[in-house]
Protein backbone atom coordinates (compact mmCIF):
# COMPACT_ATOMS: atom_id res chain seq x y z
CA UNK A 1 37.46 112.69 60.12
CA UNK A 2 35.28 109.92 61.47
CA UNK A 3 37.02 109.41 64.80
CA UNK A 4 35.74 110.98 68.00
CA UNK A 5 36.87 111.11 71.59
CA UNK A 6 35.04 109.45 74.49
CA UNK A 7 32.55 112.32 74.73
CA UNK A 8 31.83 112.67 71.03
CA UNK A 9 34.22 115.44 69.99
CA UNK A 10 35.96 114.99 66.59
CA UNK A 11 39.60 113.85 66.47
CA UNK A 12 41.99 114.79 63.69
CA UNK A 13 43.47 111.39 63.04
CA UNK A 14 42.77 108.80 60.36
CA UNK A 15 44.21 105.98 62.42
CA UNK A 16 41.77 103.66 64.17
CA UNK A 17 44.49 102.55 66.56
CA UNK A 18 45.61 106.09 67.35
CA UNK A 19 42.05 107.14 68.17
CA UNK A 20 41.38 104.13 70.39
CA UNK A 21 44.68 104.45 72.24
CA UNK A 22 44.02 108.17 72.74
CA UNK A 23 40.59 107.47 74.22
CA UNK A 24 42.09 104.89 76.56
CA UNK A 25 44.99 107.16 77.51
CA UNK A 26 42.74 110.10 78.37
CA UNK A 27 40.46 107.83 80.43
CA UNK A 28 43.46 106.63 82.42
CA UNK A 29 44.84 110.15 82.78
CA UNK A 30 41.52 111.47 84.11
CA UNK A 31 41.32 108.51 86.49
CA UNK A 32 44.95 109.01 87.68
CA UNK A 33 45.40 105.35 86.78
CA UNK A 34 48.64 103.68 85.64
CA UNK A 35 48.98 103.01 81.92
CA UNK A 36 48.12 106.45 80.54
CA UNK A 37 51.65 107.10 79.29
CA UNK A 38 51.85 103.78 77.44
CA UNK A 39 48.45 104.32 75.81
CA UNK A 40 49.27 107.84 74.67
CA UNK A 41 52.70 106.77 73.40
CA UNK A 42 50.94 104.06 71.38
CA UNK A 43 48.59 106.68 69.93
CA UNK A 44 51.56 108.80 68.89
CA UNK A 45 53.35 105.80 67.39
CA UNK A 46 50.24 105.00 65.32
CA UNK A 47 49.92 108.62 64.13
CA UNK A 48 52.96 110.84 64.82
CA UNK A 49 51.01 113.90 63.62
CA UNK A 50 48.12 113.42 66.08
CA UNK A 51 48.21 116.74 67.92
CA UNK A 52 45.89 115.89 70.79
CA UNK A 53 47.86 112.77 71.66
CA UNK A 54 51.00 114.89 71.99
CA UNK A 55 49.01 117.43 74.04
CA UNK A 56 47.70 114.79 76.45
CA UNK A 57 51.20 113.38 76.78
CA UNK A 58 52.40 116.89 77.62
CA UNK A 59 49.75 117.17 80.31
CA UNK A 60 50.86 113.88 81.84
CA UNK A 61 54.51 115.00 81.82
CA UNK A 62 53.48 118.25 83.50
CA UNK A 63 51.53 116.41 86.19
CA UNK A 64 54.70 114.46 86.97
CA UNK A 65 56.75 117.68 86.99
CA UNK A 66 58.75 116.51 83.97
CA UNK A 67 59.04 120.05 82.69
CA UNK A 68 61.39 119.64 79.75
CA UNK A 69 59.45 116.68 78.39
CA UNK A 70 56.16 118.53 78.85
CA UNK A 71 57.43 121.54 76.89
CA UNK A 72 58.76 119.31 74.11
CA UNK A 73 55.45 117.45 73.80
CA UNK A 74 53.28 120.56 73.79
CA UNK A 75 55.56 122.17 71.19
CA UNK A 76 55.10 119.11 68.99
CA UNK A 77 51.34 119.31 69.54
CA UNK A 78 51.31 122.97 68.51
CA UNK A 79 53.30 122.19 65.35
CA UNK A 80 50.89 119.39 64.42
CA UNK A 81 47.70 121.32 65.10
CA UNK A 82 48.93 124.29 63.09
CA UNK A 83 49.11 122.04 60.04
CA UNK A 84 45.53 120.86 60.11
CA UNK A 85 43.69 120.81 63.42
CA UNK A 86 40.17 121.98 64.08
CA UNK A 87 39.34 125.18 65.95
CA UNK A 88 38.60 123.13 69.07
CA UNK A 89 41.91 121.28 68.85
CA UNK A 90 43.86 124.51 68.33
CA UNK A 91 42.20 126.01 71.41
CA UNK A 92 42.81 122.80 73.39
CA UNK A 93 46.52 122.91 72.63
CA UNK A 94 46.70 126.65 73.37
CA UNK A 95 45.19 126.20 76.85
CA UNK A 96 47.61 123.42 77.72
CA UNK A 97 50.52 125.46 76.33
CA UNK A 98 49.72 128.30 78.74
CA UNK A 99 49.35 125.94 81.69
CA UNK A 100 52.60 124.12 80.95
CA UNK A 101 54.39 127.45 80.50
CA UNK A 102 53.37 128.42 84.03
CA UNK A 103 50.99 131.16 82.91
CA UNK A 104 48.27 130.05 85.30
CA UNK A 105 46.13 133.19 85.13
CA UNK A 106 45.86 133.27 81.33
CA UNK A 107 45.51 129.47 81.29
CA UNK A 108 42.53 129.66 83.66
CA UNK A 109 40.85 132.39 81.61
CA UNK A 110 41.44 130.49 78.37
CA UNK A 111 40.23 127.19 79.88
CA UNK A 112 37.00 128.78 81.08
CA UNK A 113 36.42 130.36 77.67
CA UNK A 114 37.18 127.03 75.96
CA UNK A 115 34.62 125.30 78.16
CA UNK A 116 31.95 127.73 77.01
CA UNK A 117 32.36 126.49 73.45
CA UNK A 118 33.29 122.87 74.12
CA UNK A 119 32.11 121.91 77.64
CA UNK A 120 32.54 118.20 76.87
CA UNK A 121 36.29 118.62 76.37
CA UNK A 122 36.97 116.95 79.71
CA UNK A 123 40.75 117.23 79.67
CA UNK A 124 40.51 121.02 79.47
CA UNK A 125 37.59 121.28 81.89
CA UNK A 126 39.64 119.26 84.37
CA UNK A 127 42.32 121.96 84.55
CA UNK A 128 40.36 124.44 86.72
CA UNK A 129 38.95 121.66 88.92
CA UNK A 130 40.47 119.59 91.72
CA UNK A 131 42.51 120.42 94.81
CA UNK A 132 45.56 121.28 92.70
CA UNK A 133 43.65 122.87 89.82
CA UNK A 134 43.91 126.34 88.33
CA UNK A 135 41.03 127.65 90.45
CA UNK A 136 42.42 126.22 93.69
CA UNK A 137 45.82 127.83 93.13
CA UNK A 138 44.44 131.12 91.79
CA UNK A 139 44.62 132.78 95.21
CA UNK A 140 40.86 133.37 95.15
CA UNK A 141 39.06 133.06 98.47
CA UNK A 142 35.96 131.82 96.63
CA UNK A 143 37.59 129.05 94.62
CA UNK A 144 35.42 126.36 96.25
CA UNK A 145 32.25 128.13 95.11
CA UNK A 146 33.80 128.86 91.70
CA UNK A 147 34.35 125.13 91.09
CA UNK A 148 30.73 124.36 91.97
CA UNK A 149 29.53 127.14 89.67
CA UNK A 150 31.69 125.80 86.84
CA UNK A 151 30.41 122.24 87.25
CA UNK A 152 26.78 123.30 87.47
CA UNK A 153 27.15 125.58 84.47
CA UNK A 154 28.24 122.66 82.30
CA UNK A 155 26.35 119.78 83.92
CA UNK A 156 23.83 119.82 81.04
CA UNK A 157 26.61 118.72 78.68
CA UNK A 158 27.30 115.49 80.57
CA UNK A 159 25.27 112.33 80.89
CA UNK A 160 24.42 111.14 84.43
CA UNK A 161 26.65 108.11 83.82
CA UNK A 162 29.77 110.11 82.99
CA UNK A 163 32.04 108.81 85.73
CA UNK A 164 34.62 111.58 85.42
CA UNK A 165 32.26 114.54 85.56
CA UNK A 166 30.11 113.04 88.32
CA UNK A 167 33.22 112.45 90.44
CA UNK A 168 34.51 116.01 90.06
CA UNK A 169 31.08 117.54 90.54
CA UNK A 170 30.76 115.62 93.80
CA UNK A 171 34.18 116.71 95.00
CA UNK A 172 33.36 120.35 94.22
CA UNK A 173 30.16 120.26 96.26
CA UNK A 174 31.86 118.49 99.16
CA UNK A 175 34.62 121.09 99.37
CA UNK A 176 32.07 123.89 99.18
CA UNK A 177 30.22 122.60 102.23
CA UNK A 178 27.31 120.74 100.60
CA UNK A 179 28.62 117.47 102.02
CA UNK A 180 25.51 115.31 101.63
CA UNK A 181 25.15 116.23 97.96
CA UNK A 182 28.86 115.90 97.37
CA UNK A 183 29.01 112.49 99.01
CA UNK A 184 26.06 111.20 96.99
CA UNK A 185 27.64 112.34 93.72
CA UNK A 186 31.06 110.98 94.70
CA UNK A 187 29.52 107.61 95.56
CA UNK A 188 27.69 107.60 92.22
CA UNK A 189 30.81 108.45 90.24
CA UNK A 190 32.93 105.91 92.08
CA UNK A 191 30.34 103.18 91.49
CA UNK A 192 30.46 103.92 87.75
CA UNK A 193 34.22 103.30 87.61
CA UNK A 194 36.09 101.84 90.56
CA UNK A 195 39.41 101.87 88.68
CA UNK A 196 39.47 105.60 89.25
CA UNK A 197 41.86 107.03 91.84
CA UNK A 198 40.21 110.42 91.60
CA UNK A 199 36.92 108.71 92.45
CA UNK A 200 38.35 107.01 95.53
CA UNK A 201 39.96 110.30 96.48
CA UNK A 202 36.75 112.30 96.09
CA UNK A 203 34.80 109.80 98.16
CA UNK A 204 37.50 109.74 100.85
CA UNK A 205 37.18 113.53 101.13
CA UNK A 206 33.40 113.32 101.31
CA UNK A 207 33.57 110.74 104.10
CA UNK A 208 36.12 112.85 105.99
CA UNK A 209 33.96 115.96 105.75
CA UNK A 210 30.89 113.92 106.75
CA UNK A 211 32.57 112.85 109.97
CA UNK A 212 32.71 109.25 108.75
CA UNK A 213 36.41 108.59 109.21
CA UNK A 214 35.83 104.92 109.98
CA UNK A 215 34.06 104.53 106.62
CA UNK A 216 36.94 106.27 104.87
CA UNK A 217 39.42 103.90 106.48
CA UNK A 218 37.35 100.87 105.45
CA UNK A 219 36.99 102.17 101.89
CA UNK A 220 40.70 102.76 101.50
CA UNK A 221 41.70 99.46 103.10
CA UNK A 222 39.44 97.63 100.65
CA UNK A 223 40.30 99.63 97.54
CA UNK A 224 43.98 100.61 97.81
CA UNK A 225 45.54 97.14 97.29
CA UNK A 226 44.18 97.08 93.71
CA UNK A 227 45.77 100.44 92.91
CA UNK A 228 49.35 99.99 91.80
CA UNK A 229 51.98 101.84 93.81
CA UNK A 230 53.04 103.64 90.64
CA UNK A 231 49.70 105.46 90.66
CA UNK A 232 50.00 109.19 91.28
CA UNK A 233 47.52 109.21 94.17
CA UNK A 234 48.51 105.96 95.90
CA UNK A 235 50.39 107.64 98.74
CA UNK A 236 47.95 110.51 99.07
CA UNK A 237 44.90 108.28 99.39
CA UNK A 238 46.77 106.28 102.04
CA UNK A 239 47.46 109.64 103.76
CA UNK A 240 43.69 110.04 104.13
CA UNK A 241 43.55 106.73 106.00
CA UNK A 242 46.44 107.80 108.23
CA UNK A 243 44.66 111.07 108.94
CA UNK A 244 41.50 109.21 109.92
CA UNK A 245 43.49 106.95 112.25
CA UNK A 246 45.11 109.97 113.87
CA UNK A 247 41.73 111.64 114.32
CA UNK A 248 40.34 108.68 116.25
CA UNK A 249 43.40 108.65 118.52
CA UNK A 250 45.53 105.90 116.95
CA UNK A 251 48.96 107.45 116.29
CA UNK A 252 50.62 104.03 115.93
CA UNK A 253 48.13 103.07 113.23
CA UNK A 254 48.71 106.38 111.46
CA UNK A 255 52.47 105.89 111.59
CA UNK A 256 52.18 102.33 110.26
CA UNK A 257 50.25 103.62 107.22
CA UNK A 258 52.76 106.45 106.85
CA UNK A 259 55.69 104.04 106.87
CA UNK A 260 54.13 101.68 104.33
CA UNK A 261 52.61 104.13 101.87
CA UNK A 262 53.32 107.84 102.50
CA UNK A 263 56.92 108.51 103.50
CA UNK A 264 59.53 109.55 100.92
CA UNK A 265 61.06 106.60 99.17
CA UNK A 266 57.98 104.39 99.31
CA UNK A 267 55.59 106.53 97.27
CA UNK A 268 55.67 107.42 93.58
CA UNK A 269 53.39 110.40 94.17
CA UNK A 270 53.88 113.93 92.94
CA UNK A 271 56.57 115.83 94.81
CA UNK A 272 53.94 118.35 95.95
CA UNK A 273 51.84 115.55 97.46
CA UNK A 274 54.84 113.85 99.04
CA UNK A 275 56.03 117.04 100.74
CA UNK A 276 52.65 118.34 101.86
CA UNK A 277 51.35 114.96 103.00
CA UNK A 278 54.44 114.09 105.02
CA UNK A 279 54.83 117.54 106.54
CA UNK A 280 51.18 117.93 107.49
CA UNK A 281 50.87 114.45 109.02
CA UNK A 282 54.06 114.72 111.08
CA UNK A 283 53.17 118.27 112.15
CA UNK A 284 49.70 117.12 113.26
CA UNK A 285 51.22 114.19 115.11
CA UNK A 286 53.42 116.50 117.15
CA UNK A 287 50.73 119.15 117.64
CA UNK A 288 48.33 116.53 118.97
CA UNK A 289 50.88 115.60 121.63
CA UNK A 290 52.28 112.42 120.10
CA UNK A 291 55.97 111.67 119.62
CA UNK A 292 57.37 111.85 116.09
CA UNK A 293 59.84 108.97 115.75
CA UNK A 294 63.47 109.95 115.37
CA UNK A 295 64.65 110.50 111.83
CA UNK A 296 61.27 111.06 110.17
CA UNK A 297 61.55 114.84 110.01
CA UNK A 298 65.14 114.60 108.73
CA UNK A 299 64.02 112.22 106.00
CA UNK A 300 61.36 114.68 104.84
CA UNK A 301 63.78 117.59 104.95
CA UNK A 302 66.29 115.69 102.78
CA UNK A 303 63.58 114.80 100.26
CA UNK A 304 62.19 118.33 100.10
CA UNK A 305 65.55 120.11 99.79
CA UNK A 306 65.59 120.34 95.94
CA UNK A 307 61.96 121.47 95.68
CA UNK A 308 60.29 124.86 96.02
CA UNK A 309 63.55 126.58 96.85
CA UNK A 310 62.19 129.81 95.41
CA UNK A 311 59.21 131.26 97.28
CA UNK A 312 56.04 132.13 95.40
CA UNK A 313 53.78 129.06 95.38
CA UNK A 314 51.65 129.65 98.46
CA UNK A 315 50.46 126.10 99.11
CA UNK A 316 54.00 124.73 98.95
CA UNK A 317 55.44 127.72 100.82
CA UNK A 318 53.15 127.17 103.80
CA UNK A 319 54.26 123.55 104.11
CA UNK A 320 57.92 124.41 103.57
CA UNK A 321 57.51 126.92 106.40
CA UNK A 322 56.07 124.21 108.65
CA UNK A 323 58.97 121.93 107.69
CA UNK A 324 61.63 124.53 108.47
CA UNK A 325 60.00 125.31 111.82
CA UNK A 326 59.59 121.65 112.78
CA UNK A 327 63.23 120.86 112.01
CA UNK A 328 64.56 123.90 113.86
CA UNK A 329 65.92 125.54 110.73
CA UNK A 330 65.24 129.10 111.80
CA UNK A 331 67.39 130.57 109.04
CA UNK A 332 65.43 128.77 106.33
CA UNK A 333 62.14 129.73 107.93
CA UNK A 334 63.09 133.39 108.21
CA UNK A 335 64.51 133.45 104.69
CA UNK A 336 61.23 132.17 103.29
CA UNK A 337 59.24 134.63 105.41
CA UNK A 338 61.35 137.51 104.12
CA UNK A 339 61.00 136.38 100.50
CA UNK A 340 57.25 135.94 100.85
CA UNK A 341 56.88 139.33 102.51
CA UNK A 342 58.68 140.89 99.56
CA UNK A 343 56.32 139.18 97.13
CA UNK A 344 53.31 140.42 99.10
CA UNK A 345 54.65 143.96 99.02
CA UNK A 346 55.18 143.65 95.28
CA UNK A 347 51.64 142.33 94.82
CA UNK A 348 52.84 139.16 93.09
CA UNK A 349 51.90 136.45 95.61
CA UNK A 350 48.50 135.07 94.57
CA UNK A 351 47.50 133.85 98.02
CA UNK A 352 48.60 137.08 99.67
CA UNK A 353 49.72 137.92 103.24
CA UNK A 354 48.29 134.75 104.76
CA UNK A 355 51.28 132.76 103.48
CA UNK A 356 54.10 134.56 105.34
CA UNK A 357 51.77 134.77 108.36
CA UNK A 358 51.46 130.97 108.43
CA UNK A 359 55.23 130.62 108.25
CA UNK A 360 55.73 133.12 111.10
CA UNK A 361 53.10 131.36 113.19
CA UNK A 362 54.67 127.95 112.56
CA UNK A 363 58.03 129.25 113.76
CA UNK A 364 56.46 130.66 116.92
CA UNK A 365 54.59 127.39 117.56
CA UNK A 366 57.73 125.27 117.11
CA UNK A 367 59.61 127.53 119.52
CA UNK A 368 56.87 127.20 122.13
CA UNK A 369 55.58 130.75 121.82
CA UNK A 370 51.94 129.74 121.55
CA UNK A 371 50.52 133.14 122.39
CA UNK A 372 52.38 134.75 119.47
CA UNK A 373 51.36 131.90 117.18
CA UNK A 374 47.69 132.46 118.01
CA UNK A 375 47.97 136.24 117.65
CA UNK A 376 49.50 135.81 114.18
CA UNK A 377 46.98 133.24 112.95
CA UNK A 378 43.72 134.61 114.36
CA UNK A 379 43.49 137.66 112.06
CA UNK A 380 44.22 135.63 108.90
CA UNK A 381 42.26 132.45 109.70
CA UNK A 382 39.57 133.34 107.18
CA UNK A 383 42.16 133.73 104.43
CA UNK A 384 43.78 130.28 104.73
CA UNK A 385 41.42 129.04 101.99
CA UNK A 386 43.43 131.14 99.54
CA UNK A 387 46.26 128.61 99.75
CA UNK A 388 44.26 126.17 97.63
CA UNK A 389 44.41 122.44 98.15
CA UNK A 390 41.53 120.80 100.01
CA UNK A 391 39.80 121.49 103.28
CA UNK A 392 41.39 118.39 104.78
CA UNK A 393 44.85 119.63 103.80
CA UNK A 394 44.31 123.20 105.01
CA UNK A 395 42.92 122.03 108.35
CA UNK A 396 46.47 121.60 109.64
CA UNK A 397 46.64 125.40 109.94
CA UNK A 398 43.40 125.60 111.93
CA UNK A 399 44.64 122.73 114.11
CA UNK A 400 47.78 124.74 114.81
CA UNK A 401 45.71 127.75 115.84
CA UNK A 402 43.46 125.64 118.06
CA UNK A 403 46.34 123.91 119.85
CA UNK A 404 48.14 127.25 120.24
CA UNK A 405 45.04 128.75 121.88
CA UNK A 406 44.73 125.83 124.28
CA UNK A 407 48.42 125.91 125.22
CA UNK A 408 48.36 129.69 125.60
CA UNK A 409 45.52 129.42 128.12
CA UNK A 410 42.91 130.92 125.78
CA UNK A 411 40.28 128.33 126.73
CA UNK A 412 37.24 130.39 125.77
CA UNK A 413 38.56 131.15 122.28
CA UNK A 414 39.48 127.48 121.86
CA UNK A 415 35.97 126.39 122.90
CA UNK A 416 34.37 128.76 120.40
CA UNK A 417 36.57 127.44 117.60
CA UNK A 418 35.88 123.83 118.60
CA UNK A 419 32.12 124.44 118.70
CA UNK A 420 32.26 125.86 115.19
CA UNK A 421 34.34 122.96 113.90
CA UNK A 422 32.12 120.32 115.49
CA UNK A 423 29.05 121.99 114.01
CA UNK A 424 30.70 121.83 110.59
CA UNK A 425 32.11 118.32 110.86
CA UNK A 426 31.89 115.74 113.68
CA UNK A 427 35.40 114.81 114.79
CA UNK A 428 36.40 112.42 117.58
CA UNK A 429 39.59 114.40 118.11
CA UNK A 430 37.72 117.70 118.50
CA UNK A 431 35.21 116.03 120.81
CA UNK A 432 38.09 114.87 123.03
CA UNK A 433 39.57 118.36 123.11
CA UNK A 434 36.18 119.87 123.91
CA UNK A 435 35.77 117.45 126.82
CA UNK A 436 39.21 118.45 128.15
CA UNK A 437 38.32 122.13 128.00
CA UNK A 438 35.01 121.68 129.79
CA UNK A 439 36.29 119.28 132.45
């Protein structure tokens, strides 16, 4: 068994081509770069019994929400590994099996245990990390710190020139508030491999949190044209540029980016990204006092209709609540609130009571009852982190609270919140609002 993966772990295949295609496929998967599926399919064609190639293909199917294909691939991986895989490969397949089966709690526990024995198994270590990782969606209020702890615990296992680990380590520090360190690591990781959408994404976040929106816009404008539109993060990275434009007071520029890269029908992104990016940008646009062009909300509602019908995924539920409120669908909003409240009472909603509270507040905001919106959101503001996702994504909820306070005449509370936000992250939009409140 002479073949090894990119980080030196043994591979149970005798095929030179299968091993090389697997290494390439995993690189592309970790970089969210087009071509991963073709490379992994080539690995499987070269060695149909190569368990880890089937497992990586399953992971890629799962990322694209191709559930039946993901289950079929991970079942094939389990069959192959049972006939001759190593202990590490059996554990690798078991972790992915749990994740693909929707058993996120056991998958997280098993992934963390796996990393203790094989920290250089990057595909498994990647599962708890990221804005949509197992830690982010665990419902934990400390998931940002937990990601940093995980990266630092295993940093010794990675070389300084490991582009993947450096990128994710930087993103973890940025999200946990150590922005200077996070930005430096993100810049280092991105420089090591520019054909890395996760690298561009991590650096965009770092620039956003550093108050350098103009740098984020320049980075994305320079980098995005080389990233094929079929890439999973193409639309989402463009969303970051639209967000930066909106922050500096250019709604037309934000809408132009939205129309070209973000809106349903023009992006090949994950459904979760498409829904949350479109909803949050259009909601912000309206909350900031700009007109949302006719038809845009209806287009998002039509796209989102088949997804997340059943409540229980807090990050998606919050955005579906915003969508129902923005489109005046009170019945849908109330139905989701009732379902979420039932899950909270049953103790089965990971993110907890903050989720139905956000949906209730969104409905009040959309109906012009800003005082009620603020009263609902203020007590749970510290729990919004439990939704998961990134700070930039969750900020739409804090924006809603801030605008509700201003419109409800709660100027002093709004000033306190703005002072805290500006201390955390310089923002031209917040500076404008602060000036209005002190005028």
